[in-house]
């Protein structure tokens, strides 16, 4: 039953956050600072999520095969590879490091 309460509370919370976003005046959203922040915030959140998922395990800082895969993806991005190639490089390097015992 506790899980259903958590699911319901999350659904209500998401709805309220969406409603709150609709209630923000248009003038507040047209400010240059708000527009710059709204453009950069998703990138920062995605980077933080990627770092947290890559370099942590059970609340501890770790450096394992996931870090090597992330480095391979970053290198592929620097070489301007297509997205599927970036993902394939990350997967291949991560699998290779894990197969070698890392």
C-alpha atoms as a PDB file:
ATOM      1  CA  UNK A   1       0.000   0.000   0.000  1.00  0.00           C
ATOM      2  CA  UNK A   2       2.898   2.348   0.714  1.00  0.00           C
ATOM      3  CA  UNK A   3       4.067   2.136  -2.895  1.00  0.00           C
ATOM      4  CA  UNK A   4       0.650   3.192  -4.173  1.00  0.00           C
ATOM      5  CA  UNK A   5       0.626   6.170  -1.814  1.00  0.00           C
ATOM      6  CA  UNK A   6       4.059   7.181  -3.119  1.00  0.00           C
ATOM      7  CA  UNK A   7       2.882   6.789  -6.734  1.00  0.00           C
ATOM      8  CA  UNK A   8      -0.224   8.864  -6.051  1.00  0.00           C
ATOM      9  CA  UNK A   9       1.742  11.573  -4.246  1.00  0.00           C
ATOM     10  CA  UNK A  10       4.228  11.710  -7.110  1.00  0.00           C
ATOM     11  CA  UNK A  11       1.431  12.009  -9.689  1.00  0.00           C
ATOM     12  CA  UNK A  12      -0.236  14.815  -7.728  1.00  0.00           C
ATOM     13  CA  UNK A  13       3.126  16.546  -7.259  1.00  0.00           C
ATOM     14  CA  UNK A  14       3.881  16.377 -10.982  1.00  0.00           C
ATOM     15  CA  UNK A  15       0.470  17.797 -11.802  1.00  0.00           C
ATOM     16  CA  UNK A  16       0.946  20.656  -9.319  1.00  0.00           C
ATOM     17  CA  UNK A  17       4.390  21.497 -10.732  1.00  0.00           C
ATOM     18  CA  UNK A  18       2.919  21.605 -14.245  1.00  0.00           C
ATOM     19  CA  UNK A  19       0.044  23.783 -13.022  1.00  0.00           C
ATOM     20  CA  UNK A  20       2.504  26.097 -11.281  1.00  0.00           C
ATOM     21  CA  UNK A  21       4.413  26.483 -14.549  1.00  0.00           C
ATOM     22  CA  UNK A  22       1.224  27.517 -16.336  1.00  0.00           C
ATOM     23  CA  UNK A  23       0.505  30.157 -13.702  1.00  0.00           C
ATOM     24  CA  UNK A  24       3.821  31.996 -14.211  1.00  0.00           C
ATOM     25  CA  UNK A  25       3.181  35.365 -15.891  1.00  0.00           C
ATOM     26  CA  UNK A  26       4.410  35.663 -19.483  1.00  0.00           C
ATOM     27  CA  UNK A  27       6.379  38.792 -18.612  1.00  0.00           C
ATOM     28  CA  UNK A  28       8.538  36.846 -16.178  1.00  0.00           C
ATOM     29  CA  UNK A  29       9.402  34.285 -18.846  1.00  0.00           C
ATOM     30  CA  UNK A  30      10.481  36.906 -21.381  1.00  0.00           C
ATOM     31  CA  UNK A  31      13.375  38.241 -19.288  1.00  0.00           C
ATOM     32  CA  UNK A  32      16.808  37.543 -20.829  1.00  0.00           C
ATOM     33  CA  UNK A  33      18.188  35.945 -17.655  1.00  0.00           C
ATOM     34  CA  UNK A  34      15.261  33.546 -17.418  1.00  0.00           C
ATOM     35  CA  UNK A  35      15.609  32.603 -21.087  1.00  0.00           C
ATOM     36  CA  UNK A  36      19.355  31.921 -20.716  1.00  0.00           C
ATOM     37  CA  UNK A  37      18.799  29.851 -17.593  1.00  0.00           C
ATOM     38  CA  UNK A  38      15.979  27.868 -19.177  1.00  0.00           C
ATOM     39  CA  UNK A  39      18.248  27.040 -22.116  1.00  0.00           C
ATOM     40  CA  UNK A  40      21.137  25.895 -19.908  1.00  0.00           C
ATOM     41  CA  UNK A  41      19.281  24.147 -17.090  1.00  0.00           C
ATOM     42  CA  UNK A  42      18.395  20.918 -18.963  1.00  0.00           C
ATOM     43  CA  UNK A  43      22.032  20.495 -20.042  1.00  0.00           C
ATOM     44  CA  UNK A  44      23.276  20.973 -16.472  1.00  0.00           C
ATOM     45  CA  UNK A  45      20.715  18.528 -15.081  1.00  0.00           C
ATOM     46  CA  UNK A  46      21.557  15.906 -17.693  1.00  0.00           C
ATOM     47  CA  UNK A  47      25.291  16.317 -17.004  1.00  0.00           C
ATOM     48  CA  UNK A  48      24.718  15.936 -13.261  1.00  0.00           C
ATOM     49  CA  UNK A  49      22.588  12.840 -13.766  1.00  0.00           C
ATOM     50  CA  UNK A  50      25.190  11.324 -16.088  1.00  0.00           C
ATOM     51  CA  UNK A  51      28.000  11.996 -13.612  1.00  0.00           C
ATOM     52  CA  UNK A  52      26.006  10.581 -10.709  1.00  0.00           C
ATOM     53  CA  UNK A  53      25.079   7.422 -12.588  1.00  0.00           C
ATOM     54  CA  UNK A  54      28.595   6.943 -13.981  1.00  0.00           C
ATOM     55  CA  UNK A  55      30.765   7.580 -10.952  1.00  0.00           C
ATOM     56  CA  UNK A  56      28.736   6.279  -8.004  1.00  0.00           C
ATOM     57  CA  UNK A  57      27.778   2.868  -6.689  1.00  0.00           C
ATOM     58  CA  UNK A  58      26.069   2.301  -3.355  1.00  0.00           C
ATOM     59  CA  UNK A  59      26.792   5.871  -2.315  1.00  0.00           C
ATOM     60  CA  UNK A  60      30.534   5.628  -2.975  1.00  0.00           C
ATOM     61  CA  UNK A  61      32.687   7.215  -5.650  1.00  0.00           C
ATOM     62  CA  UNK A  62      33.907   4.587  -8.138  1.00  0.00           C
ATOM     63  CA  UNK A  63      35.832   4.556 -11.372  1.00  0.00           C
ATOM     64  CA  UNK A  64      34.985   1.474 -13.415  1.00  0.00           C
ATOM     65  CA  UNK A  65      34.005   0.454 -16.937  1.00  0.00           C
ATOM     66  CA  UNK A  66      31.265   3.069 -17.059  1.00  0.00           C
ATOM     67  CA  UNK A  67      33.870   5.819 -16.865  1.00  0.00           C
ATOM     68  CA  UNK A  68      35.748   4.323 -19.817  1.00  0.00           C
ATOM     69  CA  UNK A  69      32.499   4.174 -21.801  1.00  0.00           C
ATOM     70  CA  UNK A  70      31.754   7.802 -20.980  1.00  0.00           C
ATOM     71  CA  UNK A  71      35.263   8.783 -22.094  1.00  0.00           C
ATOM     72  CA  UNK A  72      34.753   6.902 -25.376  1.00  0.00           C
ATOM     73  CA  UNK A  73      31.443   8.698 -25.931  1.00  0.00           C
ATOM     74  CA  UNK A  74      33.079  12.064 -25.214  1.00  0.00           C
ATOM     75  CA  UNK A  75      35.839  11.290 -27.701  1.00  0.00           C
ATOM     76  CA  UNK A  76      33.296  10.277 -30.338  1.00  0.00           C
ATOM     77  CA  UNK A  77      31.419  13.534 -29.730  1.00  0.00           C
ATOM     78  CA  UNK A  78      34.629  15.519 -30.122  1.00  0.00           C
ATOM     79  CA  UNK A  79      35.165  13.783 -33.455  1.00  0.00           C
ATOM     80  CA  UNK A  80      31.608  14.815 -34.410  1.00  0.00           C
ATOM     81  CA  UNK A  81      30.381  11.254 -34.819  1.00  0.00           C
ATOM     82  CA  UNK A  82      26.654  10.614 -35.339  1.00  0.00           C
ATOM     83  CA  UNK A  83      24.624   9.899 -32.209  1.00  0.00           C
ATOM     84  CA  UNK A  84      24.285   6.166 -32.873  1.00  0.00           C
ATOM     85  CA  UNK A  85      28.054   5.891 -33.299  1.00  0.00           C
ATOM     86  CA  UNK A  86      28.557   7.713 -29.991  1.00  0.00           C
ATOM     87  CA  UNK A  87      26.244   5.287 -28.214  1.00  0.00           C
ATOM     88  CA  UNK A  88      27.801   2.270 -29.939  1.00  0.00           C
ATOM     89  CA  UNK A  89      31.306   3.411 -28.969  1.00  0.00           C
ATOM     90  CA  UNK A  90      30.272   3.842 -25.345  1.00  0.00           C
ATOM     91  CA  UNK A  91      28.612   0.426 -25.255  1.00  0.00           C
ATOM     92  CA  UNK A  92      31.515  -1.320 -26.966  1.00  0.00           C
ATOM     93  CA  UNK A  93      34.176   0.214 -24.725  1.00  0.00           C
ATOM     94  CA  UNK A  94      32.180  -0.434 -21.564  1.00  0.00           C
ATOM     95  CA  UNK A  95      31.573  -4.059 -22.559  1.00  0.00           C
ATOM     96  CA  UNK A  96      35.219  -4.488 -23.540  1.00  0.00           C
ATOM     97  CA  UNK A  97      36.514  -3.152 -20.226  1.00  0.00           C
ATOM     98  CA  UNK A  98      34.074  -5.326 -18.306  1.00  0.00           C
ATOM     99  CA  UNK A  99      35.111  -8.372 -20.352  1.00  0.00           C
ATOM    100  CA  UNK A 100      38.731  -7.687 -19.477  1.00  0.00           C
ATOM    101  CA  UNK A 101      37.785  -7.705 -15.804  1.00  0.00           C
ATOM    102  CA  UNK A 102      37.428  -3.992 -15.116  1.00  0.00           C
END
